[in-house]
Protein backbone atom coordinates (compact mmCIF):
# COMPACT_ATOMS: atom_id res chain seq x y z
CA MET A 1 147.77 -54.29 169.89
CA LYS A 2 148.25 -50.63 170.58
CA LYS A 3 150.60 -49.33 168.03
CA LEU A 4 149.11 -51.15 165.51
CA LEU A 5 146.51 -49.42 165.86
CA VAL A 6 147.80 -45.95 166.23
CA LEU A 7 149.69 -46.52 163.50
CA MET A 8 147.07 -47.07 161.73
CA LEU A 9 145.74 -43.97 162.64
CA LEU A 10 148.38 -42.24 161.69
CA ILE A 11 148.91 -43.81 157.99
CA LEU A 12 145.72 -43.33 157.34
CA SER A 13 145.14 -40.11 158.47
CA ASN A 14 148.07 -39.34 156.12
CA ALA A 15 146.45 -41.12 153.33
CA ALA A 16 143.84 -37.80 153.56
CA VAL A 17 145.96 -35.20 153.77
CA PHE A 18 147.90 -36.38 150.12
CA ALA A 19 144.41 -36.96 148.72
CA GLN A 20 143.45 -33.55 148.92
CA SER A 21 142.76 -30.97 146.67
CA ALA A 22 145.66 -28.37 145.17
CA SER A 23 142.17 -26.10 143.64
CA GLY A 24 141.25 -25.13 147.22
CA PRO A 25 137.88 -25.22 150.21
CA GLU A 26 135.34 -24.01 146.34
CA MET A 27 132.49 -24.43 148.85
CA ALA A 28 134.01 -22.03 151.02
CA ASP A 29 134.89 -19.45 148.84
CA VAL A 30 130.84 -19.89 147.69
CA PHE A 31 129.85 -19.20 150.89
CA ARG A 32 132.23 -16.49 150.95
CA SER A 33 131.43 -14.36 148.68
CA SER A 34 127.71 -14.36 149.61
CA GLY A 35 128.16 -14.03 152.88
CA LYS A 36 126.53 -17.32 154.22
CA ILE A 37 129.63 -17.82 155.91
CA TYR A 38 128.36 -16.57 158.66
CA VAL A 39 125.46 -18.13 159.10
CA VAL A 40 127.64 -21.41 159.12
CA VAL A 41 129.75 -20.21 161.59
CA ALA A 42 127.02 -19.04 163.74
CA ILE A 43 125.81 -22.09 163.63
CA VAL A 44 128.62 -24.09 165.27
CA VAL A 45 129.47 -21.60 167.65
CA ILE A 46 125.84 -22.78 169.20
CA ILE A 47 126.64 -26.09 169.07
CA PHE A 48 130.00 -25.97 170.70
CA VAL A 49 128.27 -23.34 173.36
CA GLY A 50 125.14 -26.25 173.17
CA LEU A 51 128.10 -28.17 174.15
CA ALA A 52 129.46 -26.70 177.02
CA ILE A 53 126.99 -26.04 179.03
CA TYR A 54 125.49 -30.08 178.63
CA LEU A 55 129.35 -31.37 179.55
CA PHE A 56 129.56 -28.49 182.67
CA SER A 57 125.61 -29.63 183.35
CA ILE A 58 126.53 -33.54 183.68
CA ASP A 59 129.71 -32.55 186.21
CA ARG A 60 127.98 -30.45 188.17
CA ARG A 61 125.28 -33.45 188.77
CA LEU A 62 128.31 -36.23 188.81
CA ARG A 63 129.61 -34.07 191.94
CA LYS A 64 126.96 -33.80 193.72
CA ILE A 65 126.17 -37.18 193.74
CA GLU A 66 130.39 -38.44 194.49
CA LYS A 67 129.29 -35.80 197.93
CA GLU A 68 125.67 -38.15 198.10
CA LYS A 69 127.92 -41.51 198.96
């Protein structure tokens, strides 16, 4: 069952790669030309930093709970 799931995942990811257009990412060019790409990158970085802080705080709490037991 697990091998079948991995095979289906690989087949679907292969189809997604060939479905890409050859012209390139037009939206990225528009964002880059208007300077808004930096806003998008900043928001993505803020989200990743927030997730990292959240995960480290959960890890710290779990360590504390494990030490108590």
